[in-house]
Amino acid sequence: MRKRTSRCRTTAKRVPARPRRAAGVSKADKAAKKADKRAAKAIKKGEHGRITPGNAKRVVGVTKVLGPVLLPFVVRAVSAARESYDRVRARRLGIPVDDLGTFTGHGAALHARIAGDADALDALRSQAGDEESRLAAEQYAERTGARLQQLTTAVRAAERMPAQRRRSAHRAVDEELGRIEDDLLTRFGVAPRR
């Protein structure tokens, strides 16, 4: 190979030197300016805040990648939230979580109280000692059981009433249940508070 000498110079195109940045302009400022220009251009074209084909493709691509990864976590979080909500609701109604589906609607709390009172009536029947108290408990349980059936029907009928009338009906049922529960407590030997 031949040695190059200073006479054999090839003329190369000179690349102009980059203009130097002014003092105080950082890369972050430059990037922010560029982003502002892009946003202004999008606003000018009427694409700012709109769904464009390019944006849609990006979203679909990201969803295809992240969806299968995040979906199990989302499902677990939603089911945990639902379980805790059901537990809170069941505790508020005073029933087991398994029975939550039987007490629904606006009168769910009243239905739960009525069911609890019916169970208490059954317990009262079984606890009666001698023949006389057993007969009295049986008669009381029959009368009160019939009244509880009427109250259940009233609560069901109130479900389809306008809100103000429904609340009024629920208040009346609540007061009647309070009287029944006080009487039940007295029969069990527990003096209700006044």
C-alpha atoms as a PDB file:
ATOM      1  CA  MET A   1       0.000   0.000   0.000  1.00  0.00           C
ATOM      2  CA  ARG A   2       0.974   3.406  -0.723  1.00  0.00           C
ATOM      3  CA  LYS A   3       1.726   5.849   1.970  1.00  0.00           C
ATOM      4  CA  ARG A   4      -0.365   8.928   2.018  1.00  0.00           C
ATOM      5  CA  THR A   5       1.337  12.151   1.863  1.00  0.00           C
ATOM      6  CA  SER A   6       0.178  15.617   2.402  1.00  0.00           C
ATOM      7  CA  ARG A   7      -0.094  16.125  -1.371  1.00  0.00           C
ATOM      8  CA  CYS A   8      -2.677  13.344  -1.793  1.00  0.00           C
ATOM      9  CA  ARG A   9      -5.327  14.885   0.269  1.00  0.00           C
ATOM     10  CA  THR A  10      -8.869  14.116  -0.610  1.00  0.00           C
ATOM     11  CA  THR A  11     -11.320  16.835  -0.111  1.00  0.00           C
ATOM     12  CA  ALA A  12     -13.795  15.797   2.517  1.00  0.00           C
ATOM     13  CA  LYS A  13     -16.955  17.668   3.202  1.00  0.00           C
ATOM     14  CA  ARG A  14     -16.675  19.622   6.317  1.00  0.00           C
ATOM     15  CA  VAL A  15     -19.500  19.234   8.819  1.00  0.00           C
ATOM     16  CA  PRO A  16     -20.357  22.568  10.278  1.00  0.00           C
ATOM     17  CA  ALA A  17     -19.785  22.751  14.008  1.00  0.00           C
ATOM     18  CA  ARG A  18     -22.833  22.637  16.244  1.00  0.00           C
ATOM     19  CA  PRO A  19     -23.895  25.958  17.547  1.00  0.00           C
ATOM     20  CA  ARG A  20     -23.064  26.220  21.182  1.00  0.00           C
ATOM     21  CA  ARG A  21     -25.834  26.409  23.712  1.00  0.00           C
ATOM     22  CA  ALA A  22     -26.422  29.689  25.345  1.00  0.00           C
ATOM     23  CA  ALA A  23     -25.457  29.834  28.965  1.00  0.00           C
ATOM     24  CA  GLY A  24     -28.256  28.648  31.263  1.00  0.00           C
ATOM     25  CA  VAL A  25     -30.161  26.482  28.732  1.00  0.00           C
ATOM     26  CA  SER A  26     -30.124  22.897  29.948  1.00  0.00           C
ATOM     27  CA  LYS A  27     -31.164  19.704  28.226  1.00  0.00           C
ATOM     28  CA  ALA A  28     -34.298  19.562  30.372  1.00  0.00           C
ATOM     29  CA  ASP A  29     -35.302  23.050  29.248  1.00  0.00           C
ATOM     30  CA  LYS A  30     -34.725  22.035  25.666  1.00  0.00           C
ATOM     31  CA  ALA A  31     -36.859  18.898  26.078  1.00  0.00           C
ATOM     32  CA  ALA A  32     -39.627  20.924  27.708  1.00  0.00           C
ATOM     33  CA  LYS A  33     -39.580  23.404  24.811  1.00  0.00           C
ATOM     34  CA  LYS A  34     -39.777  20.543  22.349  1.00  0.00           C
ATOM     35  CA  ALA A  35     -42.733  18.997  24.190  1.00  0.00           C
ATOM     36  CA  ASP A  36     -44.478  22.376  24.264  1.00  0.00           C
ATOM     37  CA  LYS A  37     -43.985  22.739  20.514  1.00  0.00           C
ATOM     38  CA  ARG A  38     -45.412  19.267  19.945  1.00  0.00           C
ATOM     39  CA  ALA A  39     -48.425  20.051  22.128  1.00  0.00           C
ATOM     40  CA  ALA A  40     -48.991  23.358  20.337  1.00  0.00           C
ATOM     41  CA  LYS A  41     -48.828  21.569  16.996  1.00  0.00           C
ATOM     42  CA  ALA A  42     -51.352  18.961  18.184  1.00  0.00           C
ATOM     43  CA  ILE A  43     -53.686  21.705  19.414  1.00  0.00           C
ATOM     44  CA  LYS A  44     -53.355  23.511  16.105  1.00  0.00           C
ATOM     45  CA  LYS A  45     -54.240  20.323  14.199  1.00  0.00           C
ATOM     46  CA  GLY A  46     -57.178  19.701  16.538  1.00  0.00           C
ATOM     47  CA  GLU A  47     -55.774  16.412  17.834  1.00  0.00           C
ATOM     48  CA  HIS A  48     -55.044  17.479  21.399  1.00  0.00           C
ATOM     49  CA  GLY A  49     -57.133  15.439  23.822  1.00  0.00           C
ATOM     50  CA  ARG A  50     -58.627  13.411  20.999  1.00  0.00           C
ATOM     51  CA  ILE A  51     -58.204   9.805  20.141  1.00  0.00           C
ATOM     52  CA  THR A  52     -56.106   9.551  17.029  1.00  0.00           C
ATOM     53  CA  PRO A  53     -55.244   6.374  15.158  1.00  0.00           C
ATOM     54  CA  GLY A  54     -51.662   6.609  16.392  1.00  0.00           C
ATOM     55  CA  ASN A  55     -52.709   7.061  20.003  1.00  0.00           C
ATOM     56  CA  ALA A  56     -55.181   4.202  19.720  1.00  0.00           C
ATOM     57  CA  LYS A  57     -52.510   1.878  18.325  1.00  0.00           C
ATOM     58  CA  ARG A  58     -50.193   2.773  21.195  1.00  0.00           C
ATOM     59  CA  VAL A  59     -52.883   2.132  23.791  1.00  0.00           C
ATOM     60  CA  VAL A  60     -53.811  -1.208  22.218  1.00  0.00           C
ATOM     61  CA  GLY A  61     -50.159  -2.231  22.118  1.00  0.00           C
ATOM     62  CA  VAL A  62     -49.586  -1.338  25.761  1.00  0.00           C
ATOM     63  CA  THR A  63     -52.797  -3.137  26.754  1.00  0.00           C
ATOM     64  CA  LYS A  64     -51.733  -6.278  24.908  1.00  0.00           C
ATOM     65  CA  VAL A  65     -48.465  -6.319  26.805  1.00  0.00           C
ATOM     66  CA  LEU A  66     -49.601  -5.232  30.282  1.00  0.00           C
ATOM     67  CA  GLY A  67     -53.115  -6.725  30.308  1.00  0.00           C
ATOM     68  CA  PRO A  68     -52.171 -10.370  30.902  1.00  0.00           C
ATOM     69  CA  VAL A  69     -49.656  -9.339  33.551  1.00  0.00           C
ATOM     70  CA  LEU A  70     -51.949  -7.023  35.526  1.00  0.00           C
ATOM     71  CA  LEU A  71     -55.271  -8.849  35.124  1.00  0.00           C
ATOM     72  CA  PRO A  72     -54.758 -11.442  37.918  1.00  0.00           C
ATOM     73  CA  PHE A  73     -53.808  -8.684  40.377  1.00  0.00           C
ATOM     74  CA  VAL A  74     -56.834  -6.597  39.429  1.00  0.00           C
ATOM     75  CA  VAL A  75     -59.178  -9.587  39.800  1.00  0.00           C
ATOM     76  CA  ARG A  76     -57.728 -10.408  43.228  1.00  0.00           C
ATOM     77  CA  ALA A  77     -58.039  -6.803  44.385  1.00  0.00           C
ATOM     78  CA  VAL A  78     -61.651  -6.552  43.216  1.00  0.00           C
ATOM     79  CA  SER A  79     -62.644  -9.833  44.887  1.00  0.00           C
ATOM     80  CA  ALA A  80     -60.932  -8.825  48.150  1.00  0.00           C
ATOM     81  CA  ALA A  81     -62.763  -5.496  48.113  1.00  0.00           C
ATOM     82  CA  ARG A  82     -66.070  -7.258  47.464  1.00  0.00           C
ATOM     83  CA  GLU A  83     -65.480  -9.725  50.320  1.00  0.00           C
ATOM     84  CA  SER A  84     -64.679  -6.973  52.794  1.00  0.00           C
ATOM     85  CA  TYR A  85     -67.763  -5.011  51.681  1.00  0.00           C
ATOM     86  CA  ASP A  86     -69.924  -8.115  52.180  1.00  0.00           C
ATOM     87  CA  ARG A  87     -68.433  -8.718  55.645  1.00  0.00           C
ATOM     88  CA  VAL A  88     -69.154  -5.135  56.680  1.00  0.00           C
ATOM     89  CA  ARG A  89     -72.715  -5.345  55.352  1.00  0.00           C
ATOM     90  CA  ALA A  90     -73.349  -8.665  57.104  1.00  0.00           C
ATOM     91  CA  ARG A  91     -71.963  -7.323  60.377  1.00  0.00           C
ATOM     92  CA  ARG A  92     -74.192  -4.251  60.075  1.00  0.00           C
ATOM     93  CA  LEU A  93     -77.261  -6.452  59.523  1.00  0.00           C
ATOM     94  CA  GLY A  94     -76.235  -8.850  62.284  1.00  0.00           C
ATOM     95  CA  ILE A  95     -76.272 -11.965  60.110  1.00  0.00           C
ATOM     96  CA  PRO A  96     -73.673 -14.433  58.793  1.00  0.00           C
ATOM     97  CA  VAL A  97     -72.069 -13.571  55.445  1.00  0.00           C
ATOM     98  CA  ASP A  98     -73.598 -16.711  53.897  1.00  0.00           C
ATOM     99  CA  ASP A  99     -77.129 -15.406  54.575  1.00  0.00           C
ATOM    100  CA  LEU A 100     -76.451 -12.017  53.004  1.00  0.00           C
ATOM    101  CA  GLY A 101     -78.103 -12.951  49.706  1.00  0.00           C
ATOM    102  CA  THR A 102     -81.446 -13.649  51.370  1.00  0.00           C
ATOM    103  CA  PHE A 103     -81.747 -10.122  52.788  1.00  0.00           C
ATOM    104  CA  THR A 104     -81.648  -7.614  49.947  1.00  0.00           C
ATOM    105  CA  GLY A 105     -83.302  -4.361  49.044  1.00  0.00           C
ATOM    106  CA  HIS A 106     -84.146  -1.269  51.063  1.00  0.00           C
ATOM    107  CA  GLY A 107     -85.729  -3.319  53.848  1.00  0.00           C
ATOM    108  CA  ALA A 108     -82.850  -5.776  54.240  1.00  0.00           C
ATOM    109  CA  ALA A 109     -82.126  -4.724  57.819  1.00  0.00           C
ATOM    110  CA  LEU A 110     -85.786  -5.112  58.780  1.00  0.00           C
ATOM    111  CA  HIS A 111     -85.994  -8.531  57.120  1.00  0.00           C
ATOM    112  CA  ALA A 112     -82.897  -9.604  59.068  1.00  0.00           C
ATOM    113  CA  ARG A 113     -84.409  -8.388  62.349  1.00  0.00           C
ATOM    114  CA  ILE A 114     -87.669 -10.201  61.623  1.00  0.00           C
ATOM    115  CA  ALA A 115     -85.775 -13.427  60.873  1.00  0.00           C
ATOM    116  CA  GLY A 116     -83.812 -13.025  64.114  1.00  0.00           C
ATOM    117  CA  ASP A 117     -87.010 -12.509  66.075  1.00  0.00           C
ATOM    118  CA  ALA A 118     -88.559 -15.611  64.488  1.00  0.00           C
ATOM    119  CA  ASP A 119     -85.500 -17.619  65.585  1.00  0.00           C
ATOM    120  CA  ALA A 120     -85.874 -16.187  69.091  1.00  0.00           C
ATOM    121  CA  LEU A 121     -89.526 -17.313  69.129  1.00  0.00           C
ATOM    122  CA  ASP A 122     -88.435 -20.859  68.277  1.00  0.00           C
ATOM    123  CA  ALA A 123     -85.905 -20.716  71.110  1.00  0.00           C
ATOM    124  CA  LEU A 124     -88.622 -19.468  73.475  1.00  0.00           C
ATOM    125  CA  ARG A 125     -90.840 -22.431  72.575  1.00  0.00           C
ATOM    126  CA  SER A 126     -88.055 -24.915  73.231  1.00  0.00           C
ATOM    127  CA  GLN A 127     -86.971 -23.333  76.541  1.00  0.00           C
ATOM    128  CA  ALA A 128     -90.356 -23.439  78.240  1.00  0.00           C
ATOM    129  CA  GLY A 129     -90.156 -25.542  81.413  1.00  0.00           C
ATOM    130  CA  ASP A 130     -93.434 -26.729  82.939  1.00  0.00           C
ATOM    131  CA  GLU A 131     -96.729 -27.339  81.134  1.00  0.00           C
ATOM    132  CA  GLU A 132     -98.278 -23.976  82.007  1.00  0.00           C
ATOM    133  CA  SER A 133     -95.289 -21.897  80.829  1.00  0.00           C
ATOM    134  CA  ARG A 134     -94.988 -24.079  77.734  1.00  0.00           C
ATOM    135  CA  LEU A 135     -98.639 -23.398  76.823  1.00  0.00           C
ATOM    136  CA  ALA A 136     -98.221 -19.645  77.428  1.00  0.00           C
ATOM    137  CA  ALA A 137     -95.015 -19.586  75.352  1.00  0.00           C
ATOM    138  CA  GLU A 138     -96.714 -21.511  72.543  1.00  0.00           C
ATOM    139  CA  GLN A 139     -99.674 -19.106  72.439  1.00  0.00           C
ATOM    140  CA  TYR A 140     -97.379 -16.075  72.519  1.00  0.00           C
ATOM    141  CA  ALA A 141     -95.180 -17.576  69.789  1.00  0.00           C
ATOM    142  CA  GLU A 142     -98.195 -18.190  67.533  1.00  0.00           C
ATOM    143  CA  ARG A 143     -99.539 -14.640  67.983  1.00  0.00           C
ATOM    144  CA  THR A 144     -96.134 -13.044  67.534  1.00  0.00           C
ATOM    145  CA  GLY A 145     -95.224 -15.315  64.607  1.00  0.00           C
ATOM    146  CA  ALA A 146     -98.387 -14.216  62.795  1.00  0.00           C
ATOM    147  CA  ARG A 147     -97.499 -10.574  63.506  1.00  0.00           C
ATOM    148  CA  LEU A 148     -93.970 -11.102  62.181  1.00  0.00           C
ATOM    149  CA  GLN A 149     -95.449 -12.538  58.962  1.00  0.00           C
ATOM    150  CA  GLN A 150     -97.568  -9.393  58.597  1.00  0.00           C
ATOM    151  CA  LEU A 151     -94.516  -7.202  59.168  1.00  0.00           C
ATOM    152  CA  THR A 152     -92.552  -9.180  56.561  1.00  0.00           C
ATOM    153  CA  THR A 153     -95.343  -8.615  54.060  1.00  0.00           C
ATOM    154  CA  ALA A 154     -95.419  -4.903  54.919  1.00  0.00           C
ATOM    155  CA  VAL A 155     -91.666  -4.552  54.361  1.00  0.00           C
ATOM    156  CA  ARG A 156     -91.912  -6.349  51.004  1.00  0.00           C
ATOM    157  CA  ALA A 157     -94.806  -4.123  49.944  1.00  0.00           C
ATOM    158  CA  ALA A 158     -92.855  -1.016  50.952  1.00  0.00           C
ATOM    159  CA  GLU A 159     -90.027  -1.921  48.545  1.00  0.00           C
ATOM    160  CA  ARG A 160     -92.032  -0.629  45.579  1.00  0.00           C
ATOM    161  CA  MET A 161     -93.317   2.520  47.267  1.00  0.00           C
ATOM    162  CA  PRO A 162     -91.923   6.010  46.683  1.00  0.00           C
ATOM    163  CA  ALA A 163     -88.991   6.828  48.955  1.00  0.00           C
ATOM    164  CA  GLN A 164     -90.877   8.973  51.469  1.00  0.00           C
ATOM    165  CA  ARG A 165     -93.707   6.477  51.942  1.00  0.00           C
ATOM    166  CA  ARG A 166     -91.232   3.586  52.110  1.00  0.00           C
ATOM    167  CA  ARG A 167     -89.267   5.318  54.882  1.00  0.00           C
ATOM    168  CA  SER A 168     -92.484   5.995  56.766  1.00  0.00           C
ATOM    169  CA  ALA A 169     -93.539   2.338  56.475  1.00  0.00           C
ATOM    170  CA  HIS A 170     -90.084   1.175  57.561  1.00  0.00           C
ATOM    171  CA  ARG A 171     -90.222   3.452  60.620  1.00  0.00           C
ATOM    172  CA  ALA A 172     -93.589   1.974  61.608  1.00  0.00           C
ATOM    173  CA  VAL A 173     -92.280  -1.589  61.186  1.00  0.00           C
ATOM    174  CA  ASP A 174     -89.153  -0.652  63.159  1.00  0.00           C
ATOM    175  CA  GLU A 175     -91.241   0.616  66.079  1.00  0.00           C
ATOM    176  CA  GLU A 176     -93.403  -2.525  66.052  1.00  0.00           C
ATOM    177  CA  LEU A 177     -90.288  -4.726  65.984  1.00  0.00           C
ATOM    178  CA  GLY A 178     -88.902  -2.766  68.927  1.00  0.00           C
ATOM    179  CA  ARG A 179     -92.018  -3.578  70.963  1.00  0.00           C
ATOM    180  CA  ILE A 180     -91.861  -7.262  69.983  1.00  0.00           C
ATOM    181  CA  GLU A 181     -88.156  -7.457  70.873  1.00  0.00           C
ATOM    182  CA  ASP A 182     -88.746  -5.790  74.253  1.00  0.00           C
ATOM    183  CA  ASP A 183     -91.489  -8.314  75.010  1.00  0.00           C
ATOM    184  CA  LEU A 184     -89.247 -11.197  73.904  1.00  0.00           C
ATOM    185  CA  LEU A 185     -86.435 -10.004  76.166  1.00  0.00           C
ATOM    186  CA  THR A 186     -88.855  -9.781  79.077  1.00  0.00           C
ATOM    187  CA  ARG A 187     -90.009 -13.352  78.454  1.00  0.00           C
ATOM    188  CA  PHE A 188     -86.365 -14.484  78.367  1.00  0.00           C
ATOM    189  CA  GLY A 189     -85.865 -12.811  81.746  1.00  0.00           C
ATOM    190  CA  VAL A 190     -83.805  -9.873  80.516  1.00  0.00           C
ATOM    191  CA  ALA A 191     -85.181  -6.439  81.365  1.00  0.00           C
ATOM    192  CA  PRO A 192     -84.908  -4.135  78.325  1.00  0.00           C
ATOM    193  CA  ARG A 193     -83.384  -0.674  78.793  1.00  0.00           C
ATOM    194  CA  ARG A 194     -85.654   2.322  78.529  1.00  0.00           C
END
